[in-house]
């Protein structure tokens, strides 16, 4: 499970990064609070659409951002593929 959490954290930072902190070494933990929720969904076999909806909700509700549905869908597909490993 630890490897899954690490992989999810990397995907969230490297491919989602709605506030643009991926290049800042000191900010690598910026999205850590979302990893357990996303990991739970991935481990439970959530669909790409469910994952994308949750990512979008995090951006819009939790972070107060506009959200990017297209990016959420792309990232959700990457997360979904982790469960297939």
Protein backbone atom coordinates (compact mmCIF):
# COMPACT_ATOMS: atom_id res chain seq x y z
CA UNK A 1 0.00 0.00 0.00
CA UNK A 2 2.92 2.32 0.69
CA UNK A 3 4.12 1.96 -2.91
CA UNK A 4 0.62 2.76 -4.17
CA UNK A 5 0.48 5.89 -2.00
CA UNK A 6 3.88 7.02 -3.25
CA UNK A 7 2.89 6.44 -6.89
CA UNK A 8 -0.36 8.36 -6.41
CA UNK A 9 1.46 11.25 -4.75
CA UNK A 10 3.85 11.44 -7.68
CA UNK A 11 1.01 11.45 -10.21
CA UNK A 12 -0.85 14.16 -8.31
CA UNK A 13 2.23 16.35 -8.18
CA UNK A 14 3.68 15.66 -11.62
CA UNK A 15 0.49 15.51 -13.71
CA UNK A 16 -2.24 17.32 -11.79
CA UNK A 17 -0.55 20.21 -9.91
CA UNK A 18 -3.33 22.83 -10.23
CA UNK A 19 -1.39 25.44 -8.25
CA UNK A 20 1.94 24.95 -10.03
CA UNK A 21 4.25 23.79 -7.23
CA UNK A 22 5.73 20.69 -8.89
CA UNK A 23 9.02 22.44 -9.58
CA UNK A 24 9.45 23.58 -5.97
CA UNK A 25 11.31 20.99 -3.89
CA UNK A 26 10.01 22.50 -0.65
CA UNK A 27 6.41 22.17 -1.83
CA UNK A 28 6.46 18.46 -2.72
CA UNK A 29 4.11 17.73 0.18
CA UNK A 30 1.49 20.23 -1.00
CA UNK A 31 -0.94 17.52 -2.15
CA UNK A 32 -0.15 14.90 0.50
CA UNK A 33 -3.43 15.47 2.33
CA UNK A 34 -5.32 14.25 -0.75
CA UNK A 35 -3.31 11.04 -1.22
CA UNK A 36 -5.25 8.91 1.34
CA UNK A 37 -8.63 9.77 -0.21
CA UNK A 38 -7.43 9.10 -3.74
CA UNK A 39 -5.61 5.93 -2.66
CA UNK A 40 -8.80 4.62 -1.09
CA UNK A 41 -10.69 5.17 -4.32
CA UNK A 42 -7.98 3.57 -6.46
CA UNK A 43 -7.68 0.58 -4.10
CA UNK A 44 -11.46 0.13 -4.16
CA UNK A 45 -11.42 -0.05 -7.96
CA UNK A 46 -13.15 3.27 -8.64
CA UNK A 47 -13.82 4.04 -12.28
CA UNK A 48 -12.01 6.75 -14.22
CA UNK A 49 -15.14 8.91 -14.05
CA UNK A 50 -15.40 8.56 -10.26
CA UNK A 51 -11.72 9.39 -9.84
CA UNK A 52 -12.01 12.39 -12.18
CA UNK A 53 -15.06 13.69 -10.32
CA UNK A 54 -13.22 13.46 -7.00
CA UNK A 55 -10.14 15.21 -8.36
CA UNK A 56 -12.30 17.98 -9.76
CA UNK A 57 -14.13 18.31 -6.44
CA UNK A 58 -10.80 18.61 -4.62
CA UNK A 59 -9.76 21.41 -6.95
CA UNK A 60 -13.06 23.27 -6.80
CA UNK A 61 -14.29 22.70 -3.25
CA UNK A 62 -11.23 21.91 -1.16
CA UNK A 63 -8.77 24.19 -2.93
CA UNK A 64 -11.20 26.89 -4.08
CA UNK A 65 -9.98 26.77 -7.66
CA UNK A 66 -11.90 26.83 -10.92
CA UNK A 67 -10.95 23.24 -11.73
CA UNK A 68 -9.89 21.61 -14.96
CA UNK A 69 -12.18 18.74 -15.96
CA UNK A 70 -10.02 17.66 -18.90
CA UNK A 71 -6.90 17.45 -16.74
CA UNK A 72 -8.85 15.60 -14.04
CA UNK A 73 -9.91 13.01 -16.63
CA UNK A 74 -6.34 12.49 -17.86
CA UNK A 75 -4.97 12.16 -14.33
CA UNK A 76 -7.83 9.85 -13.34
CA UNK A 77 -6.92 7.52 -16.21
CA UNK A 78 -3.31 7.40 -14.96
CA UNK A 79 -4.54 6.63 -11.44
CA UNK A 80 -6.91 3.96 -12.72
CA UNK A 81 -4.04 2.20 -14.47
CA UNK A 82 -2.24 1.92 -11.11
CA UNK A 83 -4.95 -0.41 -9.85
CA UNK A 84 -4.36 -2.72 -12.80
CA UNK A 85 -0.74 -3.34 -11.77
